[in-house]
């Protein structure tokens, strides 16, 4: 009986350890509504996008691709996406 308790305790400890390893290495900032693009770009240097957002640019121009995809922040700041391409405050 003692052996069963010991094995169960080890299994619980190993499982708890594995669950702890699956946590993300960083915590994303809490979604915030920003006053303007200057304020948003202080936190998200190249802008923020919803999932699937792509920078719309003039013919021959290179689109911004290094923006942060964070749908919750994008939804709070859709008014800052002037060209309605799914990326708010895109900046090279």
N, C-alpha and C. Protein backbone atom coordinates (compact mmCIF):
# COMPACT_ATOMS: atom_id res chain seq x y z
N UNK A 1 0.82 -1.19 0.00
CA UNK A 1 0.00 0.00 0.00
C UNK A 1 0.87 1.27 0.00
N UNK A 2 1.96 1.27 0.75
CA UNK A 2 2.86 2.41 0.82
C UNK A 2 3.48 2.67 -0.55
N UNK A 3 3.79 1.62 -1.27
CA UNK A 3 4.38 1.73 -2.60
C UNK A 3 3.40 2.42 -3.55
N UNK A 4 2.11 2.10 -3.46
CA UNK A 4 1.09 2.71 -4.30
C UNK A 4 0.98 4.21 -4.00
N UNK A 5 1.01 4.58 -2.74
CA UNK A 5 0.94 5.98 -2.34
C UNK A 5 2.16 6.74 -2.87
N UNK A 6 3.32 6.14 -2.76
CA UNK A 6 4.56 6.77 -3.23
C UNK A 6 4.51 6.98 -4.74
N UNK A 7 4.05 5.96 -5.49
CA UNK A 7 3.96 6.09 -6.96
C UNK A 7 2.94 7.15 -7.35
N UNK A 8 1.84 7.22 -6.64
CA UNK A 8 0.82 8.23 -6.93
C UNK A 8 1.37 9.63 -6.68
N UNK A 9 2.10 9.79 -5.59
CA UNK A 9 2.68 11.09 -5.26
C UNK A 9 3.68 11.52 -6.34
N UNK A 10 4.48 10.60 -6.83
CA UNK A 10 5.46 10.90 -7.88
C UNK A 10 4.72 11.27 -9.16
N UNK A 11 3.67 10.55 -9.51
CA UNK A 11 2.91 10.84 -10.73
C UNK A 11 2.29 12.22 -10.66
N UNK A 12 1.76 12.59 -9.51
CA UNK A 12 1.15 13.91 -9.34
C UNK A 12 2.22 15.00 -9.47
N UNK A 13 3.36 14.79 -8.88
CA UNK A 13 4.44 15.78 -8.94
C UNK A 13 4.94 15.97 -10.37
N UNK A 14 5.11 14.87 -11.09
CA UNK A 14 5.58 14.95 -12.48
C UNK A 14 4.55 15.66 -13.35
N UNK A 15 3.28 15.32 -13.18
CA UNK A 15 2.22 15.96 -13.96
C UNK A 15 2.17 17.46 -13.67
N UNK A 16 2.26 17.84 -12.42
CA UNK A 16 2.26 19.26 -12.06
C UNK A 16 3.45 19.98 -12.68
N UNK A 17 4.59 19.34 -12.71
CA UNK A 17 5.78 19.93 -13.31
C UNK A 17 5.62 20.12 -14.80
N UNK A 18 5.02 19.15 -15.48
CA UNK A 18 4.81 19.27 -16.92
C UNK A 18 3.81 20.36 -17.25
N UNK A 19 2.80 20.50 -16.45
CA UNK A 19 1.82 21.57 -16.67
C UNK A 19 2.49 22.92 -16.50
N UNK A 20 3.37 23.05 -15.55
CA UNK A 20 4.09 24.31 -15.34
C UNK A 20 4.98 24.65 -16.51
N UNK A 21 5.54 23.64 -17.18
CA UNK A 21 6.40 23.89 -18.33
C UNK A 21 5.63 24.36 -19.55
N UNK A 22 4.34 24.08 -19.61
CA UNK A 22 3.57 24.45 -20.78
C UNK A 22 3.09 25.90 -20.74
N UNK A 23 3.34 26.62 -19.67
CA UNK A 23 2.94 28.02 -19.57
C UNK A 23 3.79 28.86 -20.53
N UNK A 24 3.23 29.95 -21.07
CA UNK A 24 3.99 30.78 -22.00
C UNK A 24 5.20 31.42 -21.30
N UNK A 25 6.23 31.69 -22.09
CA UNK A 25 7.46 32.27 -21.55
C UNK A 25 7.29 33.75 -21.22
N UNK A 26 6.23 34.38 -21.74
CA UNK A 26 6.00 35.79 -21.45
C UNK A 26 4.50 36.00 -21.28
N UNK A 27 4.15 37.07 -20.65
CA UNK A 27 2.75 37.43 -20.50
C UNK A 27 2.47 38.63 -21.39
N UNK A 28 1.47 38.51 -22.23
CA UNK A 28 1.10 39.61 -23.12
C UNK A 28 0.50 40.74 -22.29
N UNK A 29 0.74 41.98 -22.71
CA UNK A 29 0.13 43.09 -21.98
C UNK A 29 -1.39 43.01 -22.03
N UNK A 30 -2.04 43.51 -20.99
CA UNK A 30 -3.51 43.51 -20.93
C UNK A 30 -4.04 44.37 -22.08
N UNK A 31 -5.09 43.93 -22.77
CA UNK A 31 -5.66 44.73 -23.86
C UNK A 31 -6.10 46.11 -23.35
N UNK A 32 -5.68 47.15 -24.06
CA UNK A 32 -5.96 48.53 -23.66
C UNK A 32 -6.45 49.31 -24.88
N UNK A 33 -7.36 50.23 -24.66
CA UNK A 33 -7.81 51.14 -25.71
C UNK A 33 -6.90 52.37 -25.66
N UNK A 34 -6.24 52.68 -26.76
CA UNK A 34 -5.29 53.79 -26.82
C UNK A 34 -5.94 55.04 -27.41
N UNK A 35 -5.46 56.21 -26.99
CA UNK A 35 -5.99 57.49 -27.44
C UNK A 35 -5.65 57.75 -28.90
N UNK A 36 -4.43 57.37 -29.30
CA UNK A 36 -3.97 57.61 -30.67
C UNK A 36 -2.85 56.64 -31.03
N UNK A 37 -2.39 56.71 -32.27
CA UNK A 37 -1.34 55.79 -32.73
C UNK A 37 -0.01 56.02 -32.03
N UNK A 38 0.28 57.24 -31.64
CA UNK A 38 1.53 57.51 -30.92
C UNK A 38 1.57 56.70 -29.63
N UNK A 39 0.45 56.69 -28.91
CA UNK A 39 0.38 55.94 -27.65
C UNK A 39 0.45 54.43 -27.92
N UNK A 40 -0.26 53.96 -28.94
CA UNK A 40 -0.24 52.52 -29.26
C UNK A 40 1.16 52.08 -29.69
N UNK A 41 1.83 52.90 -30.50
CA UNK A 41 3.16 52.53 -30.99
C UNK A 41 4.23 52.52 -29.91
N UNK A 42 3.97 53.13 -28.75
CA UNK A 42 4.92 53.02 -27.65
C UNK A 42 4.95 51.61 -27.09
N UNK A 43 3.82 50.91 -27.20
CA UNK A 43 3.74 49.53 -26.70
C UNK A 43 3.94 48.53 -27.82
N UNK A 44 3.34 48.79 -28.97
CA UNK A 44 3.42 47.91 -30.15
C UNK A 44 4.10 48.70 -31.26
N UNK A 45 5.42 48.61 -31.32
CA UNK A 45 6.26 49.46 -32.18
C UNK A 45 5.80 49.53 -33.64
N UNK A 46 5.36 48.40 -34.21
CA UNK A 46 5.00 48.38 -35.63
C UNK A 46 3.50 48.25 -35.85
N UNK A 47 2.71 48.47 -34.81
CA UNK A 47 1.26 48.39 -34.93
C UNK A 47 0.73 47.07 -34.38
N UNK A 48 -0.59 46.95 -34.40
CA UNK A 48 -1.25 45.76 -33.89
C UNK A 48 -2.33 45.34 -34.88
N UNK A 49 -2.51 44.03 -35.05
CA UNK A 49 -3.45 43.52 -36.04
C UNK A 49 -4.35 42.46 -35.46
N UNK A 50 -5.48 42.27 -36.15
CA UNK A 50 -6.32 41.13 -35.84
C UNK A 50 -5.77 39.93 -36.61
N UNK A 51 -6.16 38.75 -36.23
CA UNK A 51 -5.72 37.54 -36.93
C UNK A 51 -6.13 37.65 -38.39
N UNK A 52 -5.21 37.50 -39.30
CA UNK A 52 -5.49 37.59 -40.73
C UNK A 52 -5.32 38.98 -41.31
N UNK A 53 -4.98 39.97 -40.49
CA UNK A 53 -4.78 41.33 -40.98
C UNK A 53 -3.53 41.43 -41.84
N UNK A 54 -3.62 42.22 -42.93
CA UNK A 54 -2.47 42.43 -43.83
C UNK A 54 -2.40 43.89 -44.20
N UNK A 55 -1.23 44.46 -44.12
CA UNK A 55 -1.02 45.87 -44.44
C UNK A 55 -1.33 46.13 -45.91
N UNK A 56 -2.23 47.08 -46.15
CA UNK A 56 -2.58 47.48 -47.50
C UNK A 56 -1.68 48.65 -47.87
N UNK A 57 -0.99 48.54 -49.00
CA UNK A 57 -0.06 49.59 -49.42
C UNK A 57 -0.29 49.96 -50.88
N UNK A 58 0.28 51.09 -51.26
CA UNK A 58 0.22 51.53 -52.66
C UNK A 58 1.07 50.59 -53.52
N UNK A 59 0.75 50.51 -54.78
CA UNK A 59 1.46 49.65 -55.72
C UNK A 59 2.96 49.95 -55.68
N UNK A 60 3.75 48.90 -55.53
CA UNK A 60 5.20 49.03 -55.50
C UNK A 60 5.79 49.25 -54.12
N UNK A 61 4.97 49.59 -53.15
CA UNK A 61 5.46 49.80 -51.78
C UNK A 61 5.56 48.47 -51.05
N UNK A 62 6.42 48.43 -50.06
CA UNK A 62 6.62 47.21 -49.29
C UNK A 62 5.72 47.25 -48.05
N UNK A 63 4.87 46.22 -47.84
CA UNK A 63 3.98 46.24 -46.68
C UNK A 63 4.70 45.97 -45.37
N UNK A 64 4.15 46.50 -44.30
CA UNK A 64 4.66 46.22 -42.96
C UNK A 64 4.21 44.81 -42.60
N UNK A 65 5.14 43.97 -42.14
CA UNK A 65 4.79 42.59 -41.78
C UNK A 65 5.19 42.25 -40.35
N UNK A 66 5.89 43.16 -39.68
CA UNK A 66 6.39 42.85 -38.33
C UNK A 66 5.52 43.46 -37.23
N UNK A 67 4.24 43.68 -37.53
CA UNK A 67 3.30 44.15 -36.51
C UNK A 67 2.96 43.00 -35.56
N UNK A 68 2.37 43.32 -34.43
CA UNK A 68 1.96 42.32 -33.45
C UNK A 68 0.53 41.89 -33.73
N UNK A 69 0.30 40.58 -33.79
CA UNK A 69 -1.06 40.07 -33.95
C UNK A 69 -1.64 39.85 -32.55
N UNK A 70 -2.62 40.69 -32.20
CA UNK A 70 -3.26 40.63 -30.89
C UNK A 70 -4.69 41.12 -31.10
N UNK A 71 -5.57 40.20 -31.43
CA UNK A 71 -6.94 40.53 -31.82
C UNK A 71 -7.68 41.34 -30.76
N UNK A 72 -7.50 41.02 -29.49
CA UNK A 72 -8.20 41.74 -28.42
C UNK A 72 -7.83 43.22 -28.41
N UNK A 73 -6.56 43.53 -28.59
CA UNK A 73 -6.12 44.93 -28.62
C UNK A 73 -6.62 45.60 -29.90
N UNK A 74 -6.56 44.88 -31.02
CA UNK A 74 -7.05 45.44 -32.28
C UNK A 74 -8.53 45.83 -32.16
N UNK A 75 -9.33 44.95 -31.59
CA UNK A 75 -10.77 45.22 -31.47
C UNK A 75 -11.05 46.47 -30.65
N UNK A 76 -10.24 46.71 -29.63
CA UNK A 76 -10.41 47.91 -28.81
C UNK A 76 -9.97 49.18 -29.55
N UNK A 77 -9.16 49.01 -30.60
CA UNK A 77 -8.58 50.16 -31.29
C UNK A 77 -8.88 50.19 -32.78
N UNK A 78 -10.02 49.64 -33.20
CA UNK A 78 -10.35 49.60 -34.63
C UNK A 78 -10.44 51.00 -35.23
N UNK A 79 -10.79 52.01 -34.42
CA UNK A 79 -10.88 53.38 -34.95
C UNK A 79 -9.51 53.88 -35.41
N UNK A 80 -8.43 53.27 -34.94
CA UNK A 80 -7.09 53.68 -35.35
C UNK A 80 -6.64 53.00 -36.64
N UNK A 81 -7.46 52.08 -37.17
CA UNK A 81 -7.17 51.42 -38.44
C UNK A 81 -7.86 52.20 -39.55
N UNK A 82 -7.23 53.26 -39.99
CA UNK A 82 -7.86 54.18 -40.94
C UNK A 82 -8.15 53.56 -42.31
N UNK A 83 -7.28 52.66 -42.78
CA UNK A 83 -7.49 52.07 -44.10
C UNK A 83 -8.24 50.73 -44.04
N UNK A 84 -8.69 50.34 -42.86
CA UNK A 84 -9.53 49.14 -42.65
C UNK A 84 -8.92 47.87 -43.24
N UNK A 85 -7.59 47.71 -43.06
CA UNK A 85 -6.90 46.53 -43.58
C UNK A 85 -6.65 45.46 -42.52
N UNK A 86 -7.13 45.70 -41.30
CA UNK A 86 -6.94 44.73 -40.22
C UNK A 86 -5.69 44.98 -39.40
N UNK A 87 -4.97 46.08 -39.72
CA UNK A 87 -3.77 46.44 -38.97
C UNK A 87 -3.91 47.89 -38.52
N UNK A 88 -3.87 48.11 -37.21
CA UNK A 88 -3.98 49.48 -36.67
C UNK A 88 -2.60 50.05 -36.41
N UNK A 89 -2.39 51.27 -36.83
CA UNK A 89 -1.15 52.02 -36.57
C UNK A 89 0.11 51.35 -37.11
N UNK A 90 -0.01 50.71 -38.28
CA UNK A 90 1.17 50.08 -38.87
C UNK A 90 2.25 51.11 -39.15
N UNK A 91 3.48 50.71 -38.83
CA UNK A 91 4.62 51.62 -38.92
C UNK A 91 5.86 50.79 -39.22
N UNK A 92 6.65 51.23 -40.15
CA UNK A 92 7.89 50.52 -40.51
C UNK A 92 8.94 50.71 -39.45
